[in-house]
Structure formats: C-alpha cells, structure tokens
C-alpha cells in the first residue's frame, strides 16, 4: 500500500508519532481496511451495484465513525 507507507502520523497537537510499534500497527490496520474495502467493492460491483453509490456509502460509513475516547488535555 504505497499511500499508507507515506503517511506521517501526527498527534492532535501536530507532533509526529515516532514510535515504531505504533506506526507498524497503524500501517497494518490500514492494509487490512484497504483489503476489506476492496473485497466489498468487488462484491458489490459483481452483484450489479453502482460503484459510485458503493463508494458514497463507504465514505458515509467512515464519516459516521465515533471516537469513544475523550480528548486529552
């Protein structure tokens, strides 16, 4: 996943997340999410769904994700 390899993760304060293990977990999570989304897109298209509608639904799903942790101060 070329794009994910280029991500420089930052804290809410803008500081770079430099921990190797944290970066590894974040990269692995992105790779897994990408593969699940790719598989779901392929299934939807093969079953006759409109690709753009599927992408919109997926974007809406991401937009509705809730952060269960209160902001740190």
Protein backbone atom coordinates (compact mmCIF):
# COMPACT_ATOMS: atom_id res chain seq x y z
CA UNK A 1 0.00 0.00 0.00
CA UNK A 2 2.10 2.88 -1.27
CA UNK A 3 -0.04 5.69 0.14
CA UNK A 4 -0.01 4.29 3.67
CA UNK A 5 3.76 3.93 3.58
CA UNK A 6 3.99 7.68 3.04
CA UNK A 7 1.73 8.65 5.94
CA UNK A 8 3.41 10.61 8.69
CA UNK A 9 1.13 10.05 11.67
CA UNK A 10 0.66 13.01 13.98
CA UNK A 11 -0.88 13.63 17.37
CA UNK A 12 -3.75 16.12 17.74
CA UNK A 13 -1.09 18.66 18.76
CA UNK A 14 0.76 18.06 15.49
CA UNK A 15 3.70 16.09 16.92
CA UNK A 16 4.99 13.22 14.82
CA UNK A 17 4.19 9.76 16.18
CA UNK A 18 7.70 8.34 16.18
CA UNK A 19 7.10 5.01 17.96
CA UNK A 20 7.98 2.20 15.55
CA UNK A 21 5.41 -0.20 17.03
CA UNK A 22 2.59 2.37 16.88
CA UNK A 23 3.42 3.11 13.25
CA UNK A 24 3.54 -0.61 12.46
CA UNK A 25 0.07 -1.17 13.98
CA UNK A 26 -1.38 1.83 12.11
CA UNK A 27 0.09 0.61 8.80
CA UNK A 28 -1.20 -2.92 9.36
CA UNK A 29 -4.67 -1.57 10.23
CA UNK A 30 -4.75 0.48 7.02
CA UNK A 31 -3.68 -2.51 4.94
CA UNK A 32 -6.45 -4.64 6.47
CA UNK A 33 -9.07 -1.91 5.99
CA UNK A 34 -7.99 -1.41 2.39
CA UNK A 35 -8.31 -5.13 1.63
CA UNK A 36 -11.74 -5.45 3.26
CA UNK A 37 -12.96 -2.38 1.36
CA UNK A 38 -11.51 -3.71 -1.91
CA UNK A 39 -13.22 -7.07 -1.41
CA UNK A 40 -16.53 -5.39 -0.57
CA UNK A 41 -16.30 -3.12 -3.63
CA UNK A 42 -15.63 -6.08 -5.89
CA UNK A 43 -18.58 -7.99 -4.38
CA UNK A 44 -20.88 -5.02 -4.84
CA UNK A 45 -19.88 -4.48 -8.47
CA UNK A 46 -20.16 -8.20 -9.27
CA UNK A 47 -23.67 -8.21 -7.79
CA UNK A 48 -24.67 -5.31 -10.04
CA UNK A 49 -24.40 -2.37 -7.65
CA UNK A 50 -23.34 1.06 -8.84
CA UNK A 51 -19.67 1.61 -7.99
CA UNK A 52 -20.11 5.30 -7.18
CA UNK A 53 -23.03 4.61 -4.87
CA UNK A 54 -20.96 1.99 -3.04
CA UNK A 55 -18.10 4.47 -2.65
CA UNK A 56 -20.52 7.09 -1.28
CA UNK A 57 -21.95 4.63 1.23
CA UNK A 58 -18.45 3.65 2.31
CA UNK A 59 -17.43 7.30 2.71
CA UNK A 60 -20.57 7.91 4.75
CA UNK A 61 -19.72 4.98 6.97
CA UNK A 62 -16.27 6.41 7.65
CA UNK A 63 -17.74 9.86 8.32
CA UNK A 64 -20.04 8.35 10.98
CA UNK A 65 -17.29 6.64 12.98
CA UNK A 66 -17.33 7.77 16.61
CA UNK A 67 -14.27 8.44 18.76
CA UNK A 68 -15.03 6.75 22.11
CA UNK A 69 -12.13 8.47 23.87
CA UNK A 70 -12.40 11.97 25.32
CA UNK A 71 -9.78 14.47 24.10
CA UNK A 72 -6.62 14.61 26.17
CA UNK A 73 -5.52 17.91 27.57
